[in-house]
Amino acid sequence: MKKLKHLGLLVASALMSSSVFAAIDISAATTALTTDGSAAITAVGTALVGLAGIAVVFKWVKGAIFG
């Protein structure tokens, strides 16, 4: 039991003193995601508006022919 306690204390002190808890720089990753994400959202939004326009025009033409 004493060896287990000593091993636990040794592992805990090693984790506390190492660079495990060092700050991680994620600014480059978040900048890339923000830039790429904005471009992707803009592209999807433009495509959806374009499809909605095509659907309205199709409905208008269909109504003009068969109405």
C-alpha atoms as a PDB file:
ATOM      1  CA  MET A   1       0.000   0.000   0.000  1.00  0.00           C
ATOM      2  CA  LYS A   2       2.870   2.317   0.816  1.00  0.00           C
ATOM      3  CA  LYS A   3       4.437   1.725  -2.624  1.00  0.00           C
ATOM      4  CA  LEU A   4       1.126   2.504  -4.334  1.00  0.00           C
ATOM      5  CA  LYS A   5       0.784   5.752  -2.388  1.00  0.00           C
ATOM      6  CA  HIS A   6       4.368   6.683  -3.249  1.00  0.00           C
ATOM      7  CA  LEU A   7       3.782   5.879  -6.932  1.00  0.00           C
ATOM      8  CA  GLY A   8       0.596   7.987  -6.963  1.00  0.00           C
ATOM      9  CA  LEU A   9       2.423  10.908  -5.366  1.00  0.00           C
ATOM     10  CA  LEU A  10       5.261  10.549  -7.867  1.00  0.00           C
ATOM     11  CA  VAL A  11       2.882  10.527 -10.852  1.00  0.00           C
ATOM     12  CA  ALA A  12       0.891  13.479  -9.497  1.00  0.00           C
ATOM     13  CA  SER A  13       4.027  15.558  -8.927  1.00  0.00           C
ATOM     14  CA  ALA A  14       5.344  14.666 -12.390  1.00  0.00           C
ATOM     15  CA  LEU A  15       2.100  15.803 -14.000  1.00  0.00           C
ATOM     16  CA  MET A  16       1.958  19.027 -12.013  1.00  0.00           C
ATOM     17  CA  SER A  17       5.537  20.008 -12.763  1.00  0.00           C
ATOM     18  CA  SER A  18       5.591  19.111 -16.444  1.00  0.00           C
ATOM     19  CA  SER A  19       4.405  21.136 -19.391  1.00  0.00           C
ATOM     20  CA  VAL A  20       1.116  19.238 -19.561  1.00  0.00           C
ATOM     21  CA  PHE A  21      -0.731  22.292 -18.306  1.00  0.00           C
ATOM     22  CA  ALA A  22       1.064  24.756 -20.568  1.00  0.00           C
ATOM     23  CA  ALA A  23      -1.061  27.129 -22.632  1.00  0.00           C
ATOM     24  CA  ILE A  24      -1.716  25.912 -26.152  1.00  0.00           C
ATOM     25  CA  ASP A  25      -1.697  28.477 -28.947  1.00  0.00           C
ATOM     26  CA  ILE A  26      -4.800  27.873 -31.059  1.00  0.00           C
ATOM     27  CA  SER A  27      -5.075  31.314 -32.652  1.00  0.00           C
ATOM     28  CA  ALA A  28      -3.921  30.101 -36.086  1.00  0.00           C
ATOM     29  CA  ALA A  29      -6.461  27.285 -36.108  1.00  0.00           C
ATOM     30  CA  THR A  30      -9.334  29.521 -35.019  1.00  0.00           C
ATOM     31  CA  THR A  31      -8.396  32.147 -37.603  1.00  0.00           C
ATOM     32  CA  ALA A  32      -8.360  29.523 -40.362  1.00  0.00           C
ATOM     33  CA  LEU A  33     -11.723  28.133 -39.261  1.00  0.00           C
ATOM     34  CA  THR A  34     -13.248  31.592 -39.058  1.00  0.00           C
ATOM     35  CA  THR A  35     -12.015  32.577 -42.515  1.00  0.00           C
ATOM     36  CA  ASP A  36     -12.876  29.271 -44.191  1.00  0.00           C
ATOM     37  CA  GLY A  37     -16.139  28.995 -42.284  1.00  0.00           C
ATOM     38  CA  SER A  38     -17.307  32.437 -43.401  1.00  0.00           C
ATOM     39  CA  ALA A  39     -16.500  31.629 -47.019  1.00  0.00           C
ATOM     40  CA  ALA A  40     -18.343  28.297 -46.803  1.00  0.00           C
ATOM     41  CA  ILE A  41     -21.411  29.857 -45.181  1.00  0.00           C
ATOM     42  CA  THR A  42     -21.465  32.577 -47.837  1.00  0.00           C
ATOM     43  CA  ALA A  43     -21.233  29.999 -50.643  1.00  0.00           C
ATOM     44  CA  VAL A  44     -24.034  27.875 -49.192  1.00  0.00           C
ATOM     45  CA  GLY A  45     -26.240  30.925 -48.632  1.00  0.00           C
ATOM     46  CA  THR A  46     -25.698  32.120 -52.182  1.00  0.00           C
ATOM     47  CA  ALA A  47     -26.555  28.676 -53.547  1.00  0.00           C
ATOM     48  CA  LEU A  48     -29.756  28.515 -51.493  1.00  0.00           C
ATOM     49  CA  VAL A  49     -30.881  31.962 -52.626  1.00  0.00           C
ATOM     50  CA  GLY A  50     -30.128  30.987 -56.230  1.00  0.00           C
ATOM     51  CA  LEU A  51     -32.156  27.776 -55.916  1.00  0.00           C
ATOM     52  CA  ALA A  52     -35.048  29.683 -54.348  1.00  0.00           C
ATOM     53  CA  GLY A  53     -34.972  32.131 -57.273  1.00  0.00           C
ATOM     54  CA  ILE A  54     -35.019  29.280 -59.783  1.00  0.00           C
ATOM     55  CA  ALA A  55     -37.971  27.676 -57.972  1.00  0.00           C
ATOM     56  CA  VAL A  56     -39.940  30.952 -58.032  1.00  0.00           C
ATOM     57  CA  VAL A  57     -39.248  31.503 -61.719  1.00  0.00           C
ATOM     58  CA  PHE A  58     -40.202  27.878 -62.498  1.00  0.00           C
ATOM     59  CA  LYS A  59     -43.449  28.253 -60.563  1.00  0.00           C
ATOM     60  CA  TRP A  60     -44.210  31.545 -62.340  1.00  0.00           C
ATOM     61  CA  VAL A  61     -43.571  30.030 -65.795  1.00  0.00           C
ATOM     62  CA  LYS A  62     -45.625  26.942 -64.935  1.00  0.00           C
ATOM     63  CA  GLY A  63     -48.501  29.165 -63.767  1.00  0.00           C
ATOM     64  CA  ALA A  64     -48.284  31.282 -66.905  1.00  0.00           C
ATOM     65  CA  ILE A  65     -48.418  28.248 -69.197  1.00  0.00           C
ATOM     66  CA  PHE A  66     -50.963  26.089 -67.384  1.00  0.00           C
ATOM     67  CA  GLY A  67     -52.880  28.784 -65.458  1.00  0.00           C
END
